[in-house]
Amino acid sequence: MSDEPEYQVIGDAAEVAENRGKAYQVGGVQIAVIRHGGKLFALDEFCTHADASLAFGPVKDGCVACPWHYAEFDLETGEAKSLPAVEAVKTYPVRETADGKIEVAVKA
């Protein structure tokens, strides 16, 4: 058994603009893919405080904010960086392929 994550193509990288997110469902898991600093990040779609979609939250300084109450989450680690959220969101391996696709691994 390999430790390499199993990636799935979920869409075109051009669908995710800089400092914006897009919601996807991958293997029954709702995720938000966000582009920041030219890099893609994938994390649980819903804020751990009130279930708002992080795919629609403002992005700055390496964090995405909940669009309802502005709790911030670190894009790299999923750590809750500000109240009212105290619980982290899960992050997922994500990559952009040479042919412009987004690939995400939801299970290791």
PDB file of N, CA and C in Angstrom:
ATOM      1  N   MET A   1       0.849  -1.179   0.000  1.00  0.00           N
ATOM      2  CA  MET A   1       0.000   0.000   0.000  1.00  0.00           C
ATOM      3  C   MET A   1       0.895   1.243   0.000  1.00  0.00           C
ATOM      4  N   SER A   2       0.626   2.169  -0.882  1.00  0.00           N
ATOM      5  CA  SER A   2       1.429   3.376  -1.026  1.00  0.00           C
ATOM      6  C   SER A   2       0.957   4.472  -0.078  1.00  0.00           C
ATOM      7  N   ASP A   3       1.911   5.297   0.364  1.00  0.00           N
ATOM      8  CA  ASP A   3       1.570   6.450   1.184  1.00  0.00           C
ATOM      9  C   ASP A   3       1.192   7.646   0.327  1.00  0.00           C
ATOM     10  N   GLU A   4       1.362   7.516  -0.987  1.00  0.00           N
ATOM     11  CA  GLU A   4       1.029   8.599  -1.914  1.00  0.00           C
ATOM     12  C   GLU A   4      -0.488   8.798  -1.942  1.00  0.00           C
ATOM     13  N   PRO A   5      -0.936  10.047  -1.755  1.00  0.00           N
ATOM     14  CA  PRO A   5      -2.384  10.303  -1.822  1.00  0.00           C
ATOM     15  C   PRO A   5      -2.940   9.968  -3.201  1.00  0.00           C
ATOM     16  N   GLU A   6      -4.192   9.564  -3.229  1.00  0.00           N
ATOM     17  CA  GLU A   6      -4.863   9.254  -4.488  1.00  0.00           C
ATOM     18  C   GLU A   6      -5.616  10.493  -4.968  1.00  0.00           C
ATOM     19  N   TYR A   7      -5.092  11.112  -6.017  1.00  0.00           N
ATOM     20  CA  TYR A   7      -5.664  12.355  -6.528  1.00  0.00           C
ATOM     21  C   TYR A   7      -6.774  12.083  -7.535  1.00  0.00           C
ATOM     22  N   GLN A   8      -7.763  12.983  -7.527  1.00  0.00           N
ATOM     23  CA  GLN A   8      -8.864  12.944  -8.489  1.00  0.00           C
ATOM     24  C   GLN A   8      -8.962  14.307  -9.163  1.00  0.00           C
ATOM     25  N   VAL A   9      -9.200  14.314 -10.469  1.00  0.00           N
ATOM     26  CA  VAL A   9      -9.432  15.574 -11.177  1.00  0.00           C
ATOM     27  C   VAL A   9     -10.823  16.064 -10.802  1.00  0.00           C
ATOM     28  N   ILE A  10     -10.912  17.347 -10.396  1.00  0.00           N
ATOM     29  CA  ILE A  10     -12.213  17.889  -9.996  1.00  0.00           C
ATOM     30  C   ILE A  10     -12.666  19.067 -10.843  1.00  0.00           C
ATOM     31  N   GLY A  11     -11.767  19.614 -11.658  1.00  0.00           N
ATOM     32  CA  GLY A  11     -12.169  20.743 -12.490  1.00  0.00           C
ATOM     33  C   GLY A  11     -10.984  21.411 -13.141  1.00  0.00           C
ATOM     34  N   ASP A  12     -11.271  22.530 -13.809  1.00  0.00           N
ATOM     35  CA  ASP A  12     -10.239  23.309 -14.486  1.00  0.00           C
ATOM     36  C   ASP A  12      -9.674  24.357 -13.532  1.00  0.00           C
ATOM     37  N   ALA A  13      -8.364  24.477 -13.503  1.00  0.00           N
ATOM     38  CA  ALA A  13      -7.715  25.439 -12.618  1.00  0.00           C
ATOM     39  C   ALA A  13      -8.145  26.871 -12.929  1.00  0.00           C
ATOM     40  N   ALA A  14      -8.493  27.143 -14.170  1.00  0.00           N
ATOM     41  CA  ALA A  14      -8.927  28.485 -14.561  1.00  0.00           C
ATOM     42  C   ALA A  14     -10.234  28.890 -13.874  1.00  0.00           C
ATOM     43  N   GLU A  15     -10.973  27.925 -13.304  1.00  0.00           N
ATOM     44  CA  GLU A  15     -12.233  28.224 -12.609  1.00  0.00           C
ATOM     45  C   GLU A  15     -12.007  28.914 -11.269  1.00  0.00           C
ATOM     46  N   VAL A  16     -10.775  28.867 -10.742  1.00  0.00           N
ATOM     47  CA  VAL A  16     -10.485  29.433  -9.422  1.00  0.00           C
ATOM     48  C   VAL A  16      -9.546  30.627  -9.603  1.00  0.00           C
ATOM     49  N   ALA A  17     -10.107  31.832  -9.498  1.00  0.00           N
ATOM     50  CA  ALA A  17      -9.332  33.059  -9.665  1.00  0.00           C
ATOM     51  C   ALA A  17      -8.505  33.359  -8.418  1.00  0.00           C
ATOM     52  N   GLU A  18      -7.501  34.199  -8.571  1.00  0.00           N
ATOM     53  CA  GLU A  18      -6.656  34.606  -7.455  1.00  0.00           C
ATOM     54  C   GLU A  18      -7.498  35.245  -6.349  1.00  0.00           C
ATOM     55  N   ASN A  19      -7.246  34.809  -5.110  1.00  0.00           N
ATOM     56  CA  ASN A  19      -7.955  35.279  -3.910  1.00  0.00           C
ATOM     57  C   ASN A  19      -9.452  34.998  -3.953  1.00  0.00           C
ATOM     58  N   ARG A  20      -9.808  33.926  -4.620  1.00  0.00           N
ATOM     59  CA  ARG A  20     -11.195  33.472  -4.703  1.00  0.00           C
ATOM     60  C   ARG A  20     -11.231  31.971  -4.444  1.00  0.00           C
ATOM     61  N   GLY A  21     -12.441  31.475  -4.161  1.00  0.00           N
ATOM     62  CA  GLY A  21     -12.627  30.055  -3.934  1.00  0.00           C
ATOM     63  C   GLY A  21     -13.757  29.510  -4.772  1.00  0.00           C
ATOM     64  N   LYS A  22     -13.834  28.201  -4.818  1.00  0.00           N
ATOM     65  CA  LYS A  22     -14.913  27.503  -5.508  1.00  0.00           C
ATOM     66  C   LYS A  22     -15.208  26.232  -4.731  1.00  0.00           C
ATOM     67  N   ALA A  23     -16.488  25.911  -4.604  1.00  0.00           N
ATOM     68  CA  ALA A  23     -16.910  24.710  -3.875  1.00  0.00           C
ATOM     69  C   ALA A  23     -16.949  23.511  -4.816  1.00  0.00           C
ATOM     70  N   TYR A  24     -16.531  22.375  -4.300  1.00  0.00           N
ATOM     71  CA  TYR A  24     -16.553  21.109  -5.042  1.00  0.00           C
ATOM     72  C   TYR A  24     -17.008  20.005  -4.090  1.00  0.00           C
ATOM     73  N   GLN A  25     -17.538  18.946  -4.675  1.00  0.00           N
ATOM     74  CA  GLN A  25     -17.804  17.726  -3.918  1.00  0.00           C
ATOM     75  C   GLN A  25     -16.892  16.650  -4.470  1.00  0.00           C
ATOM     76  N   VAL A  26     -16.106  16.044  -3.580  1.00  0.00           N
ATOM     77  CA  VAL A  26     -15.137  15.028  -3.987  1.00  0.00           C
ATOM     78  C   VAL A  26     -15.332  13.805  -3.105  1.00  0.00           C
ATOM     79  N   GLY A  27     -15.765  12.712  -3.695  1.00  0.00           N
ATOM     80  CA  GLY A  27     -15.947  11.484  -2.930  1.00  0.00           C
ATOM     81  C   GLY A  27     -16.862  11.659  -1.735  1.00  0.00           C
ATOM     82  N   GLY A  28     -17.907  12.463  -1.875  1.00  0.00           N
ATOM     83  CA  GLY A  28     -18.858  12.687  -0.800  1.00  0.00           C
ATOM     84  C   GLY A  28     -18.421  13.737   0.213  1.00  0.00           C
ATOM     85  N   VAL A  29     -17.264  14.368  -0.007  1.00  0.00           N
ATOM     86  CA  VAL A  29     -16.747  15.396   0.891  1.00  0.00           C
ATOM     87  C   VAL A  29     -16.892  16.761   0.224  1.00  0.00           C
ATOM     88  N   GLN A  30     -17.469  17.715   0.943  1.00  0.00           N
ATOM     89  CA  GLN A  30     -17.604  19.083   0.430  1.00  0.00           C
ATOM     90  C   GLN A  30     -16.317  19.833   0.756  1.00  0.00           C
ATOM     91  N   ILE A  31     -15.629  20.331  -0.285  1.00  0.00           N
ATOM     92  CA  ILE A  31     -14.396  21.073  -0.068  1.00  0.00           C
ATOM     93  C   ILE A  31     -14.456  22.429  -0.760  1.00  0.00           C
ATOM     94  N   ALA A  32     -13.620  23.330  -0.290  1.00  0.00           N
ATOM     95  CA  ALA A  32     -13.405  24.622  -0.946  1.00  0.00           C
ATOM     96  C   ALA A  32     -11.986  24.605  -1.493  1.00  0.00           C
ATOM     97  N   VAL A  33     -11.836  24.962  -2.761  1.00  0.00           N
ATOM     98  CA  VAL A  33     -10.514  25.134  -3.350  1.00  0.00           C
ATOM     99  C   VAL A  33     -10.323  26.633  -3.518  1.00  0.00           C
ATOM    100  N   ILE A  34      -9.218  27.135  -2.990  1.00  0.00           N
ATOM    101  CA  ILE A  34      -8.945  28.575  -2.963  1.00  0.00           C
ATOM    102  C   ILE A  34      -7.566  28.822  -3.556  1.00  0.00           C
ATOM    103  N   ARG A  35      -7.472  29.866  -4.383  1.00  0.00           N
ATOM    104  CA  ARG A  35      -6.170  30.261  -4.941  1.00  0.00           C
ATOM    105  C   ARG A  35      -5.695  31.520  -4.205  1.00  0.00           C
ATOM    106  N   HIS A  36      -4.460  31.456  -3.715  1.00  0.00           N
ATOM    107  CA  HIS A  36      -3.875  32.606  -3.013  1.00  0.00           C
ATOM    108  C   HIS A  36      -2.377  32.585  -3.256  1.00  0.00           C
ATOM    109  N   GLY A  37      -1.820  33.704  -3.661  1.00  0.00           N
ATOM    110  CA  GLY A  37      -0.391  33.757  -3.949  1.00  0.00           C
ATOM    111  C   GLY A  37      -0.012  32.859  -5.105  1.00  0.00           C
ATOM    112  N   GLY A  38      -0.963  32.626  -6.017  1.00  0.00           N
ATOM    113  CA  GLY A  38      -0.725  31.771  -7.174  1.00  0.00           C
ATOM    114  C   GLY A  38      -0.788  30.281  -6.880  1.00  0.00           C
ATOM    115  N   LYS A  39      -1.048  29.924  -5.643  1.00  0.00           N
ATOM    116  CA  LYS A  39      -1.075  28.515  -5.228  1.00  0.00           C
ATOM    117  C   LYS A  39      -2.500  28.099  -4.865  1.00  0.00           C
ATOM    118  N   LEU A  40      -2.812  26.822  -5.097  1.00  0.00           N
ATOM    119  CA  LEU A  40      -4.131  26.292  -4.725  1.00  0.00           C
ATOM    120  C   LEU A  40      -4.076  25.668  -3.333  1.00  0.00           C
ATOM    121  N   PHE A  41      -5.179  25.836  -2.602  1.00  0.00           N
ATOM    122  CA  PHE A  41      -5.364  25.228  -1.285  1.00  0.00           C
ATOM    123  C   PHE A  41      -6.722  24.547  -1.278  1.00  0.00           C
ATOM    124  N   ALA A  42      -6.842  23.437  -0.561  1.00  0.00           N
ATOM    125  CA  ALA A  42      -8.117  22.736  -0.443  1.00  0.00           C
ATOM    126  C   ALA A  42      -8.387  22.468   1.032  1.00  0.00           C
ATOM    127  N   LEU A  43      -9.606  22.790   1.461  1.00  0.00           N
ATOM    128  CA  LEU A  43      -9.992  22.590   2.849  1.00  0.00           C
ATOM    129  C   LEU A  43     -11.480  22.308   2.928  1.00  0.00           C
ATOM    130  N   ASP A  44     -11.925  21.826   4.097  1.00  0.00           N
ATOM    131  CA  ASP A  44     -13.353  21.605   4.281  1.00  0.00           C
ATOM    132  C   ASP A  44     -14.097  22.872   3.888  1.00  0.00           C
ATOM    133  N   GLU A  45     -15.221  22.702   3.208  1.00  0.00           N
ATOM    134  CA  GLU A  45     -15.938  23.870   2.712  1.00  0.00           C
ATOM    135  C   GLU A  45     -16.576  24.700   3.815  1.00  0.00           C
ATOM    136  N   PHE A  46     -17.031  24.060   4.882  1.00  0.00           N
ATOM    137  CA  PHE A  46     -17.870  24.781   5.836  1.00  0.00           C
ATOM    138  C   PHE A  46     -17.134  25.200   7.100  1.00  0.00           C
ATOM    139  N   CYS A  47     -17.367  26.433   7.510  1.00  0.00           N
ATOM    140  CA  CYS A  47     -16.818  27.001   8.737  1.00  0.00           C
ATOM    141  C   CYS A  47     -17.240  26.131   9.924  1.00  0.00           C
ATOM    142  N   THR A  48     -16.311  25.921  10.841  1.00  0.00           N
ATOM    143  CA  THR A  48     -16.607  25.092  12.011  1.00  0.00           C
ATOM    144  C   THR A  48     -17.461  25.818  13.037  1.00  0.00           C
ATOM    145  N   HIS A  49     -17.668  27.096  12.861  1.00  0.00           N
ATOM    146  CA  HIS A  49     -18.497  27.860  13.797  1.00  0.00           C
ATOM    147  C   HIS A  49     -19.969  27.825  13.407  1.00  0.00           C
ATOM    148  N   ALA A  50     -20.283  28.138  12.135  1.00  0.00           N
ATOM    149  CA  ALA A  50     -21.700  28.262  11.770  1.00  0.00           C
ATOM    150  C   ALA A  50     -22.041  27.712  10.386  1.00  0.00           C
ATOM    151  N   ASP A  51     -21.187  26.841   9.849  1.00  0.00           N
ATOM    152  CA  ASP A  51     -21.477  26.144   8.590  1.00  0.00           C
ATOM    153  C   ASP A  51     -21.635  27.034   7.364  1.00  0.00           C
ATOM    154  N   ALA A  52     -21.055  28.223   7.351  1.00  0.00           N
ATOM    155  CA  ALA A  52     -21.057  29.043   6.135  1.00  0.00           C
ATOM    156  C   ALA A  52     -19.986  28.512   5.190  1.00  0.00           C
ATOM    157  N   SER A  53     -20.186  28.677   3.892  1.00  0.00           N
ATOM    158  CA  SER A  53     -19.247  28.180   2.890  1.00  0.00           C
ATOM    159  C   SER A  53     -18.001  29.049   2.813  1.00  0.00           C
ATOM    160  N   LEU A  54     -16.850  28.460   3.109  1.00  0.00           N
ATOM    161  CA  LEU A  54     -15.587  29.177   3.012  1.00  0.00           C
ATOM    162  C   LEU A  54     -15.199  29.450   1.564  1.00  0.00           C
ATOM    163  N   ALA A  55     -15.823  28.764   0.615  1.00  0.00           N
ATOM    164  CA  ALA A  55     -15.548  29.002  -0.801  1.00  0.00           C
ATOM    165  C   ALA A  55     -15.931  30.425  -1.207  1.00  0.00           C
ATOM    166  N   PHE A  56     -16.769  31.073  -0.420  1.00  0.00           N
ATOM    167  CA  PHE A  56     -17.234  32.423  -0.739  1.00  0.00           C
ATOM    168  C   PHE A  56     -16.665  33.480   0.200  1.00  0.00           C
ATOM    169  N   GLY A  57     -15.713  33.088   1.047  1.00  0.00           N
ATOM    170  CA  GLY A  57     -15.144  34.014   2.022  1.00  0.00           C
ATOM    171  C   GLY A  57     -14.010  34.837   1.451  1.00  0.00           C
ATOM    172  N   PRO A  58     -13.761  36.011   2.050  1.00  0.00           N
ATOM    173  CA  PRO A  58     -12.629  36.833   1.624  1.00  0.00           C
ATOM    174  C   PRO A  58     -11.300  36.167   1.973  1.00  0.00           C
ATOM    175  N   VAL A  59     -10.308  36.367   1.097  1.00  0.00           N
ATOM    176  CA  VAL A  59      -8.996  35.739   1.248  1.00  0.00           C
ATOM    177  C   VAL A  59      -7.936  36.826   1.336  1.00  0.00           C
ATOM    178  N   LYS A  60      -7.098  36.741   2.389  1.00  0.00           N
ATOM    179  CA  LYS A  60      -5.952  37.646   2.478  1.00  0.00           C
ATOM    180  C   LYS A  60      -4.968  37.132   3.518  1.00  0.00           C
ATOM    181  N   ASP A  61      -3.717  37.483   3.323  1.00  0.00           N
ATOM    182  CA  ASP A  61      -2.641  37.152   4.271  1.00  0.00           C
ATOM    183  C   ASP A  61      -2.595  35.670   4.640  1.00  0.00           C
ATOM    184  N   GLY A  62      -2.815  34.797   3.661  1.00  0.00           N
ATOM    185  CA  GLY A  62      -2.709  33.360   3.908  1.00  0.00           C
ATOM    186  C   GLY A  62      -3.894  32.745   4.623  1.00  0.00           C
ATOM    187  N   CYS A  63      -4.994  33.493   4.737  1.00  0.00           N
ATOM    188  CA  CYS A  63      -6.188  33.002   5.433  1.00  0.00           C
ATOM    189  C   CYS A  63      -7.434  33.232   4.589  1.00  0.00           C
ATOM    190  N   VAL A  64      -8.465  32.420   4.867  1.00  0.00           N
ATOM    191  CA  VAL A  64      -9.797  32.649   4.330  1.00  0.00           C
ATOM    192  C   VAL A  64     -10.696  32.940   5.519  1.00  0.00           C
ATOM    193  N   ALA A  65     -11.601  33.897   5.338  1.00  0.00           N
ATOM    194  CA  ALA A  65     -12.520  34.272   6.415  1.00  0.00           C
ATOM    195  C   ALA A  65     -13.915  33.766   6.106  1.00  0.00           C
ATOM    196  N   CYS A  66     -14.605  33.343   7.120  1.00  0.00           N
ATOM    197  CA  CYS A  66     -16.007  32.945   6.991  1.00  0.00           C
ATOM    198  C   CYS A  66     -16.803  34.170   6.521  1.00  0.00           C
ATOM    199  N   PRO A  67     -17.641  34.004   5.506  1.00  0.00           N
ATOM    200  CA  PRO A  67     -18.397  35.158   5.016  1.00  0.00           C
ATOM    201  C   PRO A  67     -19.490  35.637   5.967  1.00  0.00           C
ATOM    202  N   TRP A  68     -19.825  34.860   6.988  1.00  0.00           N
ATOM    203  CA  TRP A  68     -20.874  35.272   7.926  1.00  0.00           C
ATOM    204  C   TRP A  68     -20.333  36.033   9.130  1.00  0.00           C
ATOM    205  N   HIS A  69     -19.368  35.445   9.833  1.00  0.00           N
ATOM    206  CA  HIS A  69     -18.888  36.047  11.084  1.00  0.00           C
ATOM    207  C   HIS A  69     -17.397  36.362  11.062  1.00  0.00           C
ATOM    208  N   TYR A  70     -16.758  36.142   9.934  1.00  0.00           N
ATOM    209  CA  TYR A  70     -15.358  36.510   9.683  1.00  0.00           C
ATOM    210  C   TYR A  70     -14.319  35.784  10.528  1.00  0.00           C
ATOM    211  N   ALA A  71     -14.644  34.598  11.015  1.00  0.00           N
ATOM    212  CA  ALA A  71     -13.614  33.761  11.628  1.00  0.00           C
ATOM    213  C   ALA A  71     -12.614  33.410  10.532  1.00  0.00           C
ATOM    214  N   GLU A  72     -11.336  33.479  10.844  1.00  0.00           N
ATOM    215  CA  GLU A  72     -10.309  33.219   9.840  1.00  0.00           C
ATOM    216  C   GLU A  72      -9.667  31.848  10.036  1.00  0.00           C
ATOM    217  N   PHE A  73      -9.348  31.217   8.897  1.00  0.00           N
ATOM    218  CA  PHE A  73      -8.699  29.904   8.888  1.00  0.00           C
ATOM    219  C   PHE A  73      -7.442  29.978   8.030  1.00  0.00           C
ATOM    220  N   ASP A  74      -6.350  29.404   8.532  1.00  0.00           N
ATOM    221  CA  ASP A  74      -5.091  29.347   7.805  1.00  0.00           C
ATOM    222  C   ASP A  74      -5.255  28.414   6.602  1.00  0.00           C
ATOM    223  N   LEU A  75      -4.886  28.891   5.417  1.00  0.00           N
ATOM    224  CA  LEU A  75      -5.051  28.089   4.204  1.00  0.00           C
ATOM    225  C   LEU A  75      -4.140  26.862   4.188  1.00  0.00           C
ATOM    226  N   GLU A  76      -2.966  26.950   4.769  1.00  0.00           N
ATOM    227  CA  GLU A  76      -2.011  25.832   4.776  1.00  0.00           C
ATOM    228  C   GLU A  76      -2.415  24.737   5.757  1.00  0.00           C
ATOM    229  N   THR A  77      -2.802  25.149   6.971  1.00  0.00           N
ATOM    230  CA  THR A  77      -3.005  24.188   8.056  1.00  0.00           C
ATOM    231  C   THR A  77      -4.464  23.964   8.435  1.00  0.00           C
ATOM    232  N   GLY A  78      -5.350  24.886   8.065  1.00  0.00           N
ATOM    233  CA  GLY A  78      -6.750  24.813   8.465  1.00  0.00           C
ATOM    234  C   GLY A  78      -7.010  25.343   9.860  1.00  0.00           C
ATOM    235  N   GLU A  79      -5.949  25.774  10.557  1.00  0.00           N
ATOM    236  CA  GLU A  79      -6.076  26.264  11.936  1.00  0.00           C
ATOM    237  C   GLU A  79      -7.011  27.468  12.013  1.00  0.00           C
ATOM    238  N   ALA A  80      -7.882  27.457  13.023  1.00  0.00           N
ATOM    239  CA  ALA A  80      -8.740  28.619  13.285  1.00  0.00           C
ATOM    240  C   ALA A  80      -7.856  29.713  13.861  1.00  0.00           C
ATOM    241  N   LYS A  81      -7.822  30.870  13.193  1.00  0.00           N
ATOM    242  CA  LYS A  81      -6.930  31.956  13.587  1.00  0.00           C
ATOM    243  C   LYS A  81      -7.637  33.071  14.340  1.00  0.00           C
ATOM    244  N   SER A  82      -8.973  33.076  14.309  1.00  0.00           N
ATOM    245  CA  SER A  82      -9.698  34.131  15.026  1.00  0.00           C
ATOM    246  C   SER A  82     -11.087  33.631  15.413  1.00  0.00           C
ATOM    247  N   LEU A  83     -11.630  34.263  16.436  1.00  0.00           N
ATOM    248  CA  LEU A  83     -12.983  33.948  16.896  1.00  0.00           C
ATOM    249  C   LEU A  83     -13.998  34.466  15.879  1.00  0.00           C
ATOM    250  N   PRO A  84     -15.180  33.897  15.825  1.00  0.00           N
ATOM    251  CA  PRO A  84     -15.740  32.982  16.811  1.00  0.00           C
ATOM    252  C   PRO A  84     -15.373  31.509  16.611  1.00  0.00           C
ATOM    253  N   ALA A  85     -14.644  31.152  15.564  1.00  0.00           N
ATOM    254  CA  ALA A  85     -14.266  29.748  15.369  1.00  0.00           C
ATOM    255  C   ALA A  85     -13.101  29.389  16.285  1.00  0.00           C
ATOM    256  N   VAL A  86     -13.158  28.206  16.857  1.00  0.00           N
ATOM    257  CA  VAL A  86     -12.062  27.704  17.673  1.00  0.00           C
ATOM    258  C   VAL A  86     -11.557  26.353  17.162  1.00  0.00           C
ATOM    259  N   GLU A  87     -12.330  25.709  16.320  1.00  0.00           N
ATOM    260  CA  GLU A  87     -11.979  24.401  15.776  1.00  0.00           C
ATOM    261  C   GLU A  87     -11.466  24.554  14.347  1.00  0.00           C
ATOM    262  N   ALA A  88     -10.368  23.873  14.029  1.00  0.00           N
ATOM    263  CA  ALA A  88      -9.767  23.921  12.696  1.00  0.00           C
ATOM    264  C   ALA A  88     -10.658  23.223  11.666  1.00  0.00           C
ATOM    265  N   VAL A  89     -10.421  23.534  10.401  1.00  0.00           N
ATOM    266  CA  VAL A  89     -11.008  22.780   9.300  1.00  0.00           C
ATOM    267  C   VAL A  89      -9.918  21.864   8.749  1.00  0.00           C
ATOM    268  N   LYS A  90     -10.323  20.759   8.170  1.00  0.00           N
ATOM    269  CA  LYS A  90      -9.378  19.810   7.594  1.00  0.00           C
ATOM    270  C   LYS A  90      -8.873  20.350   6.259  1.00  0.00           C
ATOM    271  N   THR A  91      -7.601  20.118   5.980  1.00  0.00           N
ATOM    272  CA  THR A  91      -7.028  20.480   4.688  1.00  0.00           C
ATOM    273  C   THR A  91      -6.740  19.209   3.890  1.00  0.00           C
ATOM    274  N   TYR A  92      -6.606  19.377   2.582  1.00  0.00           N
ATOM    275  CA  TYR A  92      -6.410  18.239   1.680  1.00  0.00           C
ATOM    276  C   TYR A  92      -5.291  18.543   0.696  1.00  0.00           C
ATOM    277  N   PRO A  93      -4.545  17.506   0.284  1.00  0.00           N
ATOM    278  CA  PRO A  93      -3.540  17.711  -0.757  1.00  0.00           C
ATOM    279  C   PRO A  93      -4.224  18.139  -2.061  1.00  0.00           C
ATOM    280  N   VAL A  94      -3.678  19.171  -2.698  1.00  0.00           N
ATOM    281  CA  VAL A  94      -4.239  19.675  -3.947  1.00  0.00           C
ATOM    282  C   VAL A  94      -3.084  20.084  -4.848  1.00  0.00           C
ATOM    283  N   ARG A  95      -3.287  19.932  -6.146  1.00  0.00           N
ATOM    284  CA  ARG A  95      -2.257  20.357  -7.089  1.00  0.00           C
ATOM    285  C   ARG A  95      -2.904  20.758  -8.409  1.00  0.00           C
ATOM    286  N   GLU A  96      -2.157  21.582  -9.131  1.00  0.00           N
ATOM    287  CA  GLU A  96      -2.576  22.005 -10.467  1.00  0.00           C
ATOM    288  C   GLU A  96      -1.701  21.260 -11.459  1.00  0.00           C
ATOM    289  N   THR A  97      -2.327  20.577 -12.400  1.00  0.00           N
ATOM    290  CA  THR A  97      -1.567  19.785 -13.360  1.00  0.00           C
ATOM    291  C   THR A  97      -1.021  20.670 -14.482  1.00  0.00           C
ATOM    292  N   ALA A  98      -0.081  20.127 -15.221  1.00  0.00           N
ATOM    293  CA  ALA A  98       0.524  20.856 -16.339  1.00  0.00           C
ATOM    294  C   ALA A  98      -0.506  21.215 -17.410  1.00  0.00           C
ATOM    295  N   ASP A  99      -1.580  20.412 -17.496  1.00  0.00           N
ATOM    296  CA  ASP A  99      -2.616  20.706 -18.495  1.00  0.00           C
ATOM    297  C   ASP A  99      -3.784  21.529 -17.925  1.00  0.00           C
ATOM    298  N   GLY A 100      -3.559  22.161 -16.750  1.00  0.00           N
ATOM    299  CA  GLY A 100      -4.532  23.108 -16.212  1.00  0.00           C
ATOM    300  C   GLY A 100      -5.709  22.525 -15.468  1.00  0.00           C
ATOM    301  N   LYS A 101      -5.558  21.336 -14.917  1.00  0.00           N
ATOM    302  CA  LYS A 101      -6.622  20.716 -14.126  1.00  0.00           C
ATOM    303  C   LYS A 101      -6.302  20.835 -12.640  1.00  0.00           C
ATOM    304  N   ILE A 102      -7.352  20.769 -11.809  1.00  0.00           N
ATOM    305  CA  ILE A 102      -7.179  20.709 -10.353  1.00  0.00           C
ATOM    306  C   ILE A 102      -7.343  19.259  -9.940  1.00  0.00           C
ATOM    307  N   GLU A 103      -6.386  18.768  -9.171  1.00  0.00           N
ATOM    308  CA  GLU A 103      -6.458  17.430  -8.601  1.00  0.00           C
ATOM    309  C   GLU A 103      -6.418  17.540  -7.081  1.00  0.00           C
ATOM    310  N   VAL A 104      -7.319  16.796  -6.418  1.00  0.00           N
ATOM    311  CA  VAL A 104      -7.405  16.807  -4.960  1.00  0.00           C
ATOM    312  C   VAL A 104      -7.423  15.369  -4.462  1.00  0.00           C
ATOM    313  N   ALA A 105      -6.798  15.146  -3.317  1.00  0.00           N
ATOM    314  CA  ALA A 105      -6.839  13.843  -2.648  1.00  0.00           C
ATOM    315  C   ALA A 105      -7.624  14.018  -1.330  1.00  0.00           C
ATOM    316  N   VAL A 106      -8.751  13.330  -1.228  1.00  0.00           N
ATOM    317  CA  VAL A 106      -9.543  13.450   0.005  1.00  0.00           C
ATOM    318  C   VAL A 106      -9.243  12.331   0.987  1.00  0.00           C
ATOM    319  N   LYS A 107      -8.532  11.282   0.566  1.00  0.00           N
ATOM    320  CA  LYS A 107      -8.131  10.186   1.458  1.00  0.00           C
ATOM    321  C   LYS A 107      -6.674   9.865   1.173  1.00  0.00           C
ATOM    322  N   ALA A 108      -5.943   9.573   2.234  1.00  0.00           N
ATOM    323  CA  ALA A 108      -4.528   9.227   2.082  1.00  0.00           C
ATOM    324  C   ALA A 108      -4.375   7.786   1.658  1.00  0.00           C
TER     325      ALA A 108
END
